[in-house]
N, C-alpha and C. Protein backbone atom coordinates (compact mmCIF):
# COMPACT_ATOMS: atom_id res chain seq x y z
N MET A 1 32.15 -74.50 42.63
CA MET A 1 32.50 -73.09 42.49
C MET A 1 32.79 -72.48 43.85
N LYS A 2 33.64 -71.52 43.84
CA LYS A 2 33.95 -70.79 45.07
C LYS A 2 32.87 -69.74 45.31
N PRO A 3 32.61 -69.40 46.58
CA PRO A 3 31.54 -68.44 46.88
C PRO A 3 31.68 -67.10 46.14
N TYR A 4 32.88 -66.59 46.03
CA TYR A 4 33.04 -65.31 45.34
C TYR A 4 32.72 -65.44 43.85
N GLU A 5 32.97 -66.61 43.27
CA GLU A 5 32.64 -66.82 41.86
C GLU A 5 31.12 -66.84 41.66
N ILE A 6 30.43 -67.46 42.60
CA ILE A 6 28.96 -67.49 42.55
C ILE A 6 28.41 -66.07 42.68
N ALA A 7 28.97 -65.31 43.61
CA ALA A 7 28.52 -63.92 43.80
C ALA A 7 28.76 -63.08 42.54
N HIS A 8 29.89 -63.29 41.90
CA HIS A 8 30.19 -62.52 40.69
C HIS A 8 29.30 -62.91 39.51
N LEU A 9 28.65 -64.06 39.61
CA LEU A 9 27.68 -64.46 38.59
C LEU A 9 26.31 -63.81 38.83
N GLY A 10 26.16 -63.12 39.97
CA GLY A 10 24.92 -62.39 40.22
C GLY A 10 23.98 -63.01 41.24
N LEU A 11 24.46 -63.96 42.03
CA LEU A 11 23.62 -64.59 43.04
C LEU A 11 23.99 -64.06 44.42
N GLY A 12 22.99 -63.56 45.13
CA GLY A 12 23.18 -63.10 46.49
C GLY A 12 22.52 -64.08 47.45
N TYR A 13 23.08 -64.22 48.65
CA TYR A 13 22.54 -65.16 49.63
C TYR A 13 22.53 -64.50 51.00
N VAL A 14 21.39 -64.61 51.68
CA VAL A 14 21.26 -64.10 53.04
C VAL A 14 21.05 -65.31 53.94
N PRO A 15 22.09 -65.72 54.69
CA PRO A 15 21.98 -66.92 55.52
C PRO A 15 21.12 -66.69 56.77
N GLU A 16 20.53 -67.76 57.26
CA GLU A 16 19.72 -67.69 58.47
C GLU A 16 20.56 -67.28 59.68
N ASN A 17 21.80 -67.74 59.73
CA ASN A 17 22.65 -67.47 60.90
C ASN A 17 23.33 -66.10 60.83
N ARG A 18 23.01 -65.33 59.85
CA ARG A 18 23.40 -63.92 59.67
C ARG A 18 24.84 -63.72 59.22
N ASP A 19 25.81 -64.39 59.81
CA ASP A 19 27.22 -64.28 59.38
C ASP A 19 27.70 -62.84 59.21
N ILE A 20 27.43 -62.01 60.19
CA ILE A 20 27.96 -60.65 60.16
C ILE A 20 29.40 -60.67 60.68
N PHE A 21 30.07 -59.56 60.53
CA PHE A 21 31.39 -59.38 61.11
C PHE A 21 31.20 -58.57 62.39
N PRO A 22 31.15 -59.23 63.55
CA PRO A 22 30.71 -58.57 64.78
C PRO A 22 31.60 -57.44 65.27
N LYS A 23 32.88 -57.46 64.98
CA LYS A 23 33.78 -56.40 65.46
C LYS A 23 33.84 -55.20 64.52
N LEU A 24 33.26 -55.34 63.33
CA LEU A 24 33.22 -54.22 62.39
C LEU A 24 31.92 -53.45 62.57
N THR A 25 31.92 -52.19 62.19
CA THR A 25 30.71 -51.38 62.31
C THR A 25 29.69 -51.81 61.26
N VAL A 26 28.49 -51.31 61.44
CA VAL A 26 27.43 -51.56 60.46
C VAL A 26 27.89 -51.10 59.08
N HIS A 27 28.43 -49.90 59.00
CA HIS A 27 28.86 -49.35 57.70
C HIS A 27 29.98 -50.19 57.09
N GLN A 28 30.92 -50.64 57.90
CA GLN A 28 32.02 -51.46 57.39
C GLN A 28 31.49 -52.80 56.87
N ASN A 29 30.50 -53.37 57.54
CA ASN A 29 29.88 -54.61 57.06
C ASN A 29 29.25 -54.38 55.69
N LEU A 30 28.60 -53.24 55.51
CA LEU A 30 28.00 -52.93 54.21
C LEU A 30 29.07 -52.75 53.14
N MET A 31 30.17 -52.12 53.51
CA MET A 31 31.26 -51.93 52.55
C MET A 31 31.80 -53.27 52.06
N LEU A 32 31.87 -54.25 52.95
CA LEU A 32 32.37 -55.57 52.56
C LEU A 32 31.44 -56.27 51.57
N GLY A 33 30.18 -55.86 51.54
CA GLY A 33 29.24 -56.46 50.62
C GLY A 33 29.35 -55.94 49.20
N GLN A 34 30.00 -54.81 49.02
CA GLN A 34 30.11 -54.23 47.69
C GLN A 34 30.90 -55.13 46.75
N LYS A 35 30.39 -55.28 45.56
CA LYS A 35 31.09 -56.07 44.54
C LYS A 35 32.36 -55.34 44.13
N SER A 36 32.26 -54.03 43.98
CA SER A 36 33.40 -53.22 43.60
C SER A 36 33.23 -51.83 44.18
N ALA A 37 34.24 -51.37 44.88
CA ALA A 37 34.18 -50.03 45.46
C ALA A 37 34.33 -48.95 44.39
N ARG A 38 34.89 -49.32 43.24
CA ARG A 38 35.12 -48.35 42.16
C ARG A 38 33.92 -48.21 41.23
N GLN A 39 33.10 -49.25 41.16
CA GLN A 39 31.99 -49.25 40.21
C GLN A 39 30.67 -49.22 40.98
N ALA A 40 29.82 -48.26 40.66
CA ALA A 40 28.54 -48.13 41.35
C ALA A 40 27.59 -49.24 40.93
N GLY A 41 26.88 -49.79 41.90
CA GLY A 41 25.87 -50.80 41.62
C GLY A 41 24.47 -50.19 41.68
N ARG A 42 23.48 -51.05 41.64
CA ARG A 42 22.09 -50.59 41.72
C ARG A 42 21.74 -50.08 43.11
N TRP A 43 22.42 -50.59 44.12
CA TRP A 43 22.10 -50.26 45.50
C TRP A 43 23.23 -49.44 46.11
N THR A 44 22.87 -48.42 46.89
CA THR A 44 23.86 -47.56 47.53
C THR A 44 23.68 -47.62 49.05
N PHE A 45 24.62 -47.04 49.76
CA PHE A 45 24.50 -46.93 51.21
C PHE A 45 23.23 -46.17 51.56
N ASP A 46 22.96 -45.11 50.83
CA ASP A 46 21.74 -44.32 51.08
C ASP A 46 20.49 -45.17 50.91
N ASP A 47 20.47 -46.04 49.90
CA ASP A 47 19.32 -46.94 49.71
C ASP A 47 19.13 -47.84 50.92
N MET A 48 20.22 -48.39 51.42
CA MET A 48 20.15 -49.30 52.56
C MET A 48 19.64 -48.57 53.80
N TYR A 49 20.16 -47.37 54.01
CA TYR A 49 19.76 -46.60 55.19
C TYR A 49 18.33 -46.07 55.06
N GLN A 50 17.88 -45.86 53.83
CA GLN A 50 16.50 -45.44 53.63
C GLN A 50 15.55 -46.61 53.89
N MET A 51 15.93 -47.81 53.46
CA MET A 51 15.09 -48.99 53.71
C MET A 51 15.02 -49.31 55.19
N PHE A 52 16.16 -49.17 55.86
CA PHE A 52 16.24 -49.52 57.28
C PHE A 52 16.89 -48.36 58.05
N PRO A 53 16.10 -47.34 58.41
CA PRO A 53 16.64 -46.19 59.12
C PRO A 53 17.38 -46.55 60.41
N ARG A 54 17.00 -47.65 61.02
CA ARG A 54 17.67 -48.08 62.25
C ARG A 54 19.14 -48.38 61.98
N LEU A 55 19.45 -48.91 60.82
CA LEU A 55 20.85 -49.17 60.49
C LEU A 55 21.63 -47.87 60.33
N GLN A 56 20.99 -46.86 59.80
CA GLN A 56 21.68 -45.57 59.68
C GLN A 56 21.97 -44.99 61.06
N GLU A 57 21.01 -45.12 61.96
CA GLU A 57 21.22 -44.63 63.33
C GLU A 57 22.40 -45.34 63.99
N ARG A 58 22.64 -46.59 63.60
CA ARG A 58 23.66 -47.41 64.24
C ARG A 58 24.85 -47.69 63.33
N GLN A 59 25.03 -46.88 62.29
CA GLN A 59 26.06 -47.17 61.29
C GLN A 59 27.48 -47.19 61.85
N ASN A 60 27.74 -46.52 62.95
CA ASN A 60 29.08 -46.49 63.54
C ASN A 60 29.21 -47.41 64.75
N VAL A 61 28.23 -48.28 64.95
CA VAL A 61 28.21 -49.22 66.07
C VAL A 61 28.72 -50.57 65.58
N GLU A 62 29.45 -51.28 66.44
CA GLU A 62 29.89 -52.63 66.08
C GLU A 62 28.68 -53.51 65.85
N ALA A 63 28.70 -54.27 64.79
CA ALA A 63 27.55 -55.08 64.40
C ALA A 63 27.22 -56.16 65.42
N GLY A 64 28.18 -56.58 66.20
CA GLY A 64 27.95 -57.63 67.18
C GLY A 64 27.00 -57.25 68.30
N VAL A 65 26.78 -55.95 68.50
CA VAL A 65 25.87 -55.52 69.58
C VAL A 65 24.45 -55.26 69.07
N LEU A 66 24.22 -55.43 67.78
CA LEU A 66 22.88 -55.23 67.23
C LEU A 66 21.95 -56.34 67.69
N SER A 67 20.66 -56.04 67.72
CA SER A 67 19.67 -57.07 68.03
C SER A 67 19.63 -58.07 66.88
N GLY A 68 18.95 -59.19 67.09
CA GLY A 68 18.84 -60.21 66.04
C GLY A 68 18.18 -59.67 64.79
N GLY A 69 17.13 -58.87 64.96
CA GLY A 69 16.45 -58.30 63.81
C GLY A 69 17.32 -57.30 63.07
N GLU A 70 18.08 -56.51 63.81
CA GLU A 70 18.98 -55.54 63.17
C GLU A 70 20.10 -56.27 62.42
N GLN A 71 20.59 -57.38 62.98
CA GLN A 71 21.61 -58.16 62.30
C GLN A 71 21.05 -58.76 61.02
N GLN A 72 19.79 -59.17 61.04
CA GLN A 72 19.17 -59.73 59.84
C GLN A 72 19.03 -58.65 58.77
N MET A 73 18.65 -57.44 59.18
CA MET A 73 18.56 -56.31 58.23
C MET A 73 19.94 -56.06 57.61
N LEU A 74 20.97 -56.07 58.46
CA LEU A 74 22.33 -55.81 57.99
C LEU A 74 22.77 -56.87 57.00
N THR A 75 22.47 -58.12 57.29
CA THR A 75 22.86 -59.20 56.39
C THR A 75 22.17 -59.07 55.04
N LEU A 76 20.89 -58.72 55.05
CA LEU A 76 20.16 -58.51 53.81
C LEU A 76 20.77 -57.35 53.02
N CYS A 77 21.02 -56.24 53.70
CA CYS A 77 21.59 -55.08 53.02
C CYS A 77 22.99 -55.36 52.49
N ARG A 78 23.79 -56.09 53.26
CA ARG A 78 25.15 -56.41 52.79
C ARG A 78 25.08 -57.24 51.51
N SER A 79 24.12 -58.14 51.45
CA SER A 79 23.95 -58.93 50.23
C SER A 79 23.52 -58.05 49.06
N LEU A 80 22.60 -57.14 49.30
CA LEU A 80 22.14 -56.24 48.24
C LEU A 80 23.27 -55.34 47.73
N MET A 81 24.20 -54.99 48.60
CA MET A 81 25.32 -54.14 48.19
C MET A 81 26.21 -54.84 47.15
N GLY A 82 26.11 -56.16 47.06
CA GLY A 82 26.86 -56.91 46.06
C GLY A 82 26.19 -56.87 44.69
N ASP A 83 25.07 -56.15 44.59
CA ASP A 83 24.36 -55.95 43.33
C ASP A 83 23.95 -57.26 42.65
N PRO A 84 23.27 -58.15 43.41
CA PRO A 84 22.89 -59.43 42.82
C PRO A 84 21.74 -59.31 41.82
N ASP A 85 21.70 -60.24 40.89
CA ASP A 85 20.56 -60.33 39.97
C ASP A 85 19.44 -61.14 40.62
N LEU A 86 19.82 -62.03 41.52
CA LEU A 86 18.87 -62.87 42.25
C LEU A 86 19.37 -63.00 43.67
N ILE A 87 18.47 -62.91 44.64
CA ILE A 87 18.87 -63.06 46.03
C ILE A 87 18.05 -64.17 46.67
N ILE A 88 18.76 -65.05 47.38
CA ILE A 88 18.13 -66.16 48.10
C ILE A 88 18.20 -65.82 49.58
N ILE A 89 17.05 -65.83 50.24
CA ILE A 89 16.99 -65.49 51.66
C ILE A 89 16.55 -66.73 52.44
N ASP A 90 17.42 -67.22 53.31
CA ASP A 90 17.10 -68.36 54.16
C ASP A 90 16.41 -67.83 55.41
N GLU A 91 15.16 -68.24 55.62
CA GLU A 91 14.35 -67.78 56.76
C GLU A 91 14.27 -66.24 56.77
N PRO A 92 13.60 -65.65 55.80
CA PRO A 92 13.61 -64.20 55.64
C PRO A 92 13.04 -63.41 56.82
N THR A 93 12.23 -64.02 57.66
CA THR A 93 11.65 -63.26 58.77
C THR A 93 12.24 -63.65 60.12
N GLU A 94 13.26 -64.48 60.14
CA GLU A 94 13.89 -64.90 61.38
C GLU A 94 14.49 -63.70 62.11
N GLY A 95 14.06 -63.49 63.34
CA GLY A 95 14.58 -62.39 64.15
C GLY A 95 13.92 -61.05 63.87
N TRP A 96 12.99 -60.99 62.93
CA TRP A 96 12.35 -59.73 62.59
C TRP A 96 11.03 -59.63 63.33
N ARG A 97 10.66 -58.45 63.66
CA ARG A 97 9.33 -58.21 64.21
C ARG A 97 8.30 -58.40 63.11
N ARG A 98 7.07 -58.65 63.51
CA ARG A 98 5.99 -58.88 62.56
C ARG A 98 5.87 -57.73 61.55
N ARG A 99 6.03 -56.51 62.02
CA ARG A 99 5.92 -55.34 61.13
C ARG A 99 6.98 -55.39 60.03
N LEU A 100 8.19 -55.76 60.38
CA LEU A 100 9.25 -55.85 59.38
C LEU A 100 9.04 -57.01 58.44
N SER A 101 8.44 -58.09 58.95
CA SER A 101 8.17 -59.24 58.09
C SER A 101 7.20 -58.86 56.98
N SER A 102 6.14 -58.14 57.34
CA SER A 102 5.19 -57.73 56.31
C SER A 102 5.82 -56.69 55.38
N TRP A 103 6.70 -55.83 55.94
CA TRP A 103 7.41 -54.85 55.11
C TRP A 103 8.26 -55.57 54.07
N SER A 104 8.99 -56.61 54.48
CA SER A 104 9.89 -57.28 53.54
C SER A 104 9.11 -57.91 52.38
N GLY A 105 7.97 -58.50 52.70
CA GLY A 105 7.16 -59.10 51.63
C GLY A 105 6.65 -58.07 50.66
N SER A 106 6.13 -56.95 51.17
CA SER A 106 5.60 -55.93 50.27
C SER A 106 6.71 -55.24 49.49
N THR A 107 7.87 -55.07 50.10
CA THR A 107 8.99 -54.44 49.40
C THR A 107 9.48 -55.32 48.26
N CYS A 108 9.60 -56.61 48.51
CA CYS A 108 10.06 -57.51 47.45
C CYS A 108 9.04 -57.58 46.32
N LYS A 109 7.76 -57.56 46.65
CA LYS A 109 6.74 -57.59 45.60
C LYS A 109 6.81 -56.32 44.76
N SER A 110 6.92 -55.16 45.42
CA SER A 110 6.94 -53.92 44.64
C SER A 110 8.25 -53.76 43.91
N SER A 111 9.34 -54.28 44.47
CA SER A 111 10.64 -54.15 43.82
C SER A 111 10.78 -55.07 42.62
N SER A 112 10.03 -56.17 42.61
CA SER A 112 10.21 -57.12 41.51
C SER A 112 9.81 -56.51 40.17
N SER A 113 8.91 -55.55 40.20
CA SER A 113 8.54 -54.90 38.93
C SER A 113 9.60 -53.91 38.47
N ALA A 114 10.52 -53.56 39.36
CA ALA A 114 11.57 -52.61 39.01
C ALA A 114 12.91 -53.31 38.77
N ALA A 115 12.87 -54.56 38.34
CA ALA A 115 14.08 -55.35 38.06
C ALA A 115 14.94 -55.50 39.29
N SER A 116 14.31 -55.61 40.45
CA SER A 116 15.03 -55.82 41.69
C SER A 116 15.36 -57.29 41.85
N PRO A 117 16.39 -57.62 42.65
CA PRO A 117 16.72 -59.02 42.87
C PRO A 117 15.74 -59.75 43.78
N CYS A 118 14.82 -59.03 44.42
CA CYS A 118 13.85 -59.68 45.29
C CYS A 118 12.81 -60.41 44.45
N CYS A 119 12.37 -61.53 44.94
CA CYS A 119 11.32 -62.24 44.24
C CYS A 119 10.44 -62.99 45.22
C-alpha cells in the first residue's frame, strides 16, 4: 500500500527522525498533516497549540530552526492533524525533556478514554 492509502485508512505514524519540512513554517507543516482542508477532523490547530504552547509561539518560524524536542512535538501534531484512528509513535520521548515525556504518557492515557488515537 502507498503511504497516503494507509493514512486514509486511519493510521498515523510519528517517525523517530521527525521528517519535518524544514523550510516551511510550523503552521504550514501542520496544514500538510490535514487529511482534508474542507472537512473538519477531531483535532484542530487550536488543539495543537493548546497541547504545545511553544509551537503556537513559533507558528510563523521555519520548522528547520526548531529544537529537537520542538520538532518532535511538531511531528506528533502533524500526524494528529490527519485525524488518525490509531497513531504509532517511534521513540515517543526522543528529543523531549523529561517533563514532556511524562506529559505525553499522561495525555495519551487520559485521551484514550475519550476515543483518542493515543494508546
